[in-house]
Amino acid sequence: MRRRLLLLCVVASLFAGCATAPQDDERQAKGGGQAFAEKSHISGPVNHLAQRVRALRRSSLEAIRRALLNEHDRWQGTPYVLGGEGLRGIDCSALVQRVYSEAFALELPRTTRGQVHEGSFVEREALEAGDLVFFRPPGVYRHVGIYIGDGYFLHASASKGVTLSRLDNVFWHRHYWQARRPLPLTEIAQRLE
């Protein structure tokens, strides 16, 4: 009976955690929830739930990454054409729009200007597969790609066509602007099924 009551309290506290005051958000973002579980010596249900959440996140990221690599295989080598939208030629924002539409059944705006307002801002250090990465290279146009993980992003390059490039490349690193997450990762992964 005591064990059931303890489990009920743990589950209730997890649900209550969704409604914490704003000042608690920063502590939780820095691992406060895990520290709470360790300090309170509740290792069974809480740790098991945390492990399942981490496993779901890993599998979601891997599914997103596989879908993006499949799209890379399909589009690789397609030449860059400003205003292009197909396999004969495509520009960066059209590639992002097509990949999201075809891989994740999510409609994004056609232009980089519209895409930069989608979803939520993501810190560079927190990039995950599926995040949109934006650049401000010299000139009037902005550039967009899709982060696939391990420091690489998929994009339509003016010089190489559709390709994978490294974020830490001198050019891309210098002109990095921001990143956006159109939907939470688990929602994007669910759209694959």
Protein backbone atom coordinates (compact mmCIF):
# COMPACT_ATOMS: atom_id res chain seq x y z
CA MET A 1 0.00 0.00 0.00
CA ARG A 2 2.81 2.36 0.91
CA ARG A 3 4.59 1.63 -2.36
CA ARG A 4 1.43 2.42 -4.36
CA LEU A 5 0.99 5.68 -2.49
CA LEU A 6 4.62 6.60 -3.18
CA LEU A 7 4.20 5.76 -6.87
CA LEU A 8 1.02 7.84 -7.02
CA CYS A 9 2.83 10.80 -5.43
CA VAL A 10 5.70 10.50 -7.91
CA VAL A 11 3.34 10.38 -10.89
CA ALA A 12 1.34 13.31 -9.52
CA SER A 13 4.51 15.34 -9.02
CA LEU A 14 5.56 14.63 -12.60
CA PHE A 15 2.25 15.98 -13.89
CA ALA A 16 2.44 18.94 -11.52
CA GLY A 17 5.92 19.69 -12.88
CA CYS A 18 4.32 20.84 -16.12
CA ALA A 19 2.77 23.75 -14.25
CA THR A 20 5.78 24.96 -12.29
CA ALA A 21 6.42 28.62 -11.74
CA PRO A 22 8.71 30.35 -14.27
CA GLN A 23 11.58 30.67 -11.79
CA ASP A 24 11.70 26.86 -11.54
CA ASP A 25 12.10 26.43 -15.30
CA GLU A 26 15.77 27.41 -15.32
CA ARG A 27 16.60 25.02 -12.48
CA GLN A 28 14.76 22.19 -14.22
CA ALA A 29 16.43 22.96 -17.55
CA LYS A 30 19.78 22.54 -15.86
CA GLY A 31 18.88 19.08 -14.58
CA GLY A 32 16.85 20.02 -11.51
CA GLY A 33 14.37 17.21 -12.16
CA GLN A 34 17.09 14.58 -12.22
CA ALA A 35 18.72 16.07 -9.12
CA PHE A 36 15.33 15.90 -7.36
CA ALA A 37 15.02 12.19 -8.16
CA GLU A 38 18.54 11.53 -6.90
CA LYS A 39 18.08 13.56 -3.70
CA SER A 40 14.74 12.05 -2.80
CA HIS A 41 16.09 8.49 -3.23
CA ILE A 42 13.19 7.55 -5.48
CA SER A 43 15.02 5.53 -8.05
CA GLY A 44 12.50 3.02 -9.35
CA PRO A 45 9.57 4.69 -11.14
CA VAL A 46 11.21 8.08 -11.74
CA ASN A 47 14.45 6.68 -13.15
CA HIS A 48 12.54 4.18 -15.28
CA LEU A 49 10.36 6.99 -16.67
CA ALA A 50 13.43 9.17 -17.32
CA GLN A 51 15.14 6.28 -19.13
CA ARG A 52 12.06 5.74 -21.31
CA VAL A 53 11.88 9.45 -22.16
CA ARG A 54 15.58 9.47 -23.12
CA ALA A 55 15.12 6.32 -25.24
CA LEU A 56 12.10 7.84 -26.99
CA ARG A 57 14.06 11.02 -27.70
CA ARG A 58 17.02 9.04 -29.11
CA SER A 59 14.78 6.93 -31.32
CA SER A 60 12.91 10.03 -32.51
CA LEU A 61 16.16 11.78 -33.41
CA GLU A 62 17.45 8.69 -35.21
CA ALA A 63 14.21 8.36 -37.20
CA ILE A 64 14.39 12.04 -38.19
CA ARG A 65 18.05 11.69 -39.15
CA ARG A 66 17.34 8.61 -41.31
CA ALA A 67 14.49 10.41 -43.07
CA LEU A 68 16.75 13.40 -43.78
CA LEU A 69 19.54 11.19 -45.11
CA ASN A 70 17.02 9.47 -47.39
CA GLU A 71 15.98 12.89 -48.69
CA HIS A 72 19.65 13.75 -49.21
CA ASP A 73 20.07 10.60 -51.31
CA ARG A 74 17.05 11.56 -53.38
CA TRP A 75 18.09 15.18 -53.96
CA GLN A 76 21.90 14.88 -53.93
CA GLY A 77 23.52 16.62 -56.87
CA THR A 78 20.39 18.53 -57.92
CA PRO A 79 21.78 21.85 -59.15
CA TYR A 80 21.09 25.09 -57.35
CA VAL A 81 18.70 27.30 -59.33
CA LEU A 82 17.36 30.47 -57.73
CA GLY A 83 13.57 30.09 -57.77
CA GLY A 84 13.83 26.40 -58.72
CA GLU A 85 11.54 23.89 -57.05
CA GLY A 86 12.30 20.48 -58.55
CA LEU A 87 14.91 17.89 -59.48
CA ARG A 88 16.09 19.96 -62.47
CA GLY A 89 17.07 22.77 -60.12
CA ILE A 90 16.13 23.96 -56.66
CA ASP A 91 17.01 26.75 -54.27
CA CYS A 92 17.64 26.43 -50.54
CA SER A 93 14.21 27.39 -49.21
CA ALA A 94 12.38 25.25 -51.79
CA LEU A 95 14.53 22.26 -50.76
CA VAL A 96 13.65 22.81 -47.10
CA GLN A 97 9.98 23.19 -47.99
CA ARG A 98 9.96 20.02 -50.14
CA VAL A 99 11.89 17.90 -47.62
CA TYR A 100 9.58 18.90 -44.78
CA SER A 101 6.49 18.35 -46.90
CA GLU A 102 7.55 14.97 -48.28
CA ALA A 103 9.37 13.49 -45.29
CA PHE A 104 7.34 14.93 -42.41
CA ALA A 105 3.99 16.00 -43.98
CA LEU A 106 4.55 19.52 -42.65
CA GLU A 107 3.97 22.55 -44.86
CA LEU A 108 6.51 25.34 -44.41
CA PRO A 109 6.52 28.73 -46.14
CA ARG A 110 8.26 28.84 -49.54
CA THR A 111 10.83 31.51 -48.69
CA THR A 112 13.68 31.78 -46.22
CA ARG A 113 12.05 35.00 -45.01
CA GLY A 114 8.92 33.03 -44.07
CA GLN A 115 10.73 29.98 -42.71
CA VAL A 116 12.81 32.00 -40.26
CA HIS A 117 9.63 32.74 -38.29
CA GLU A 118 8.51 29.10 -37.98
CA GLY A 119 8.51 27.25 -34.66
CA SER A 120 10.80 28.17 -31.82
CA PHE A 121 14.33 29.56 -31.55
CA VAL A 122 17.08 27.01 -30.83
CA GLU A 123 20.50 27.79 -29.38
CA ARG A 124 23.36 26.67 -31.61
CA GLU A 125 24.64 24.33 -28.90
CA ALA A 126 21.21 22.66 -28.66
CA LEU A 127 20.75 21.79 -32.35
CA GLU A 128 19.02 18.49 -33.09
CA ALA A 129 18.25 16.64 -36.32
CA GLY A 130 15.44 18.40 -38.15
CA ASP A 131 16.21 21.93 -36.94
CA LEU A 132 16.33 24.64 -39.58
CA VAL A 133 19.67 26.50 -39.71
CA PHE A 134 19.86 29.99 -41.18
CA PHE A 135 22.80 31.96 -42.52
CA ARG A 136 23.47 35.55 -43.55
CA PRO A 137 26.10 35.31 -46.29
CA PRO A 138 27.26 38.44 -48.14
CA GLY A 139 24.61 39.83 -50.49
CA VAL A 140 20.87 40.30 -50.31
CA TYR A 141 19.82 36.65 -49.94
CA ARG A 142 19.64 34.59 -46.76
CA HIS A 143 20.38 30.86 -46.75
CA VAL A 144 18.63 27.94 -45.00
CA GLY A 145 19.36 24.25 -44.49
CA ILE A 146 18.27 21.39 -42.24
CA TYR A 147 20.54 20.15 -39.47
CA ILE A 148 20.98 16.36 -39.60
CA GLY A 149 23.30 15.87 -36.63
CA ASP A 150 27.01 15.37 -35.99
CA GLY A 151 27.75 18.89 -37.20
CA TYR A 152 26.25 18.44 -40.70
CA PHE A 153 23.34 20.13 -42.45
CA LEU A 154 21.49 19.42 -45.69
CA HIS A 155 21.08 22.34 -48.10
CA ALA A 156 21.10 23.52 -51.70
CA SER A 157 24.54 25.06 -52.18
CA ALA A 158 25.02 27.61 -54.97
CA SER A 159 28.32 25.93 -55.91
CA LYS A 160 27.62 22.21 -55.27
CA GLY A 161 23.85 21.85 -55.57
CA VAL A 162 22.10 19.74 -52.94
CA THR A 163 24.73 18.51 -50.52
CA LEU A 164 25.74 18.03 -46.90
CA SER A 165 28.05 20.60 -45.35
CA ARG A 166 29.66 21.04 -41.97
CA LEU A 167 28.47 23.83 -39.70
CA ASP A 168 32.03 24.39 -38.53
CA ASN A 169 33.21 25.05 -42.10
CA VAL A 170 34.86 28.50 -42.03
CA PHE A 171 32.28 30.06 -44.39
CA TRP A 172 29.17 28.61 -42.72
CA HIS A 173 30.52 29.23 -39.21
CA ARG A 174 31.21 32.88 -40.03
CA HIS A 175 27.76 33.50 -41.54
CA TYR A 176 25.65 31.44 -39.13
CA TRP A 177 22.59 33.46 -38.11
CA GLN A 178 20.12 31.36 -36.09
CA ALA A 179 18.22 28.06 -35.85
CA ARG A 180 14.52 27.25 -35.54
CA ARG A 181 12.65 24.09 -34.57
CA PRO A 182 9.38 24.00 -36.56
CA LEU A 183 7.81 21.43 -34.21
CA PRO A 184 8.93 19.51 -31.12
CA LEU A 185 11.13 16.59 -32.18
CA THR A 186 8.72 13.90 -31.03
CA GLU A 187 5.95 15.45 -33.14
CA ILE A 188 8.18 15.53 -36.20
CA ALA A 189 9.14 11.88 -35.64
CA GLN A 190 5.47 10.88 -35.25
CA ARG A 191 4.78 12.33 -38.70
CA LEU A 192 7.11 9.68 -40.15
CA GLU A 193 4.87 6.79 -39.16
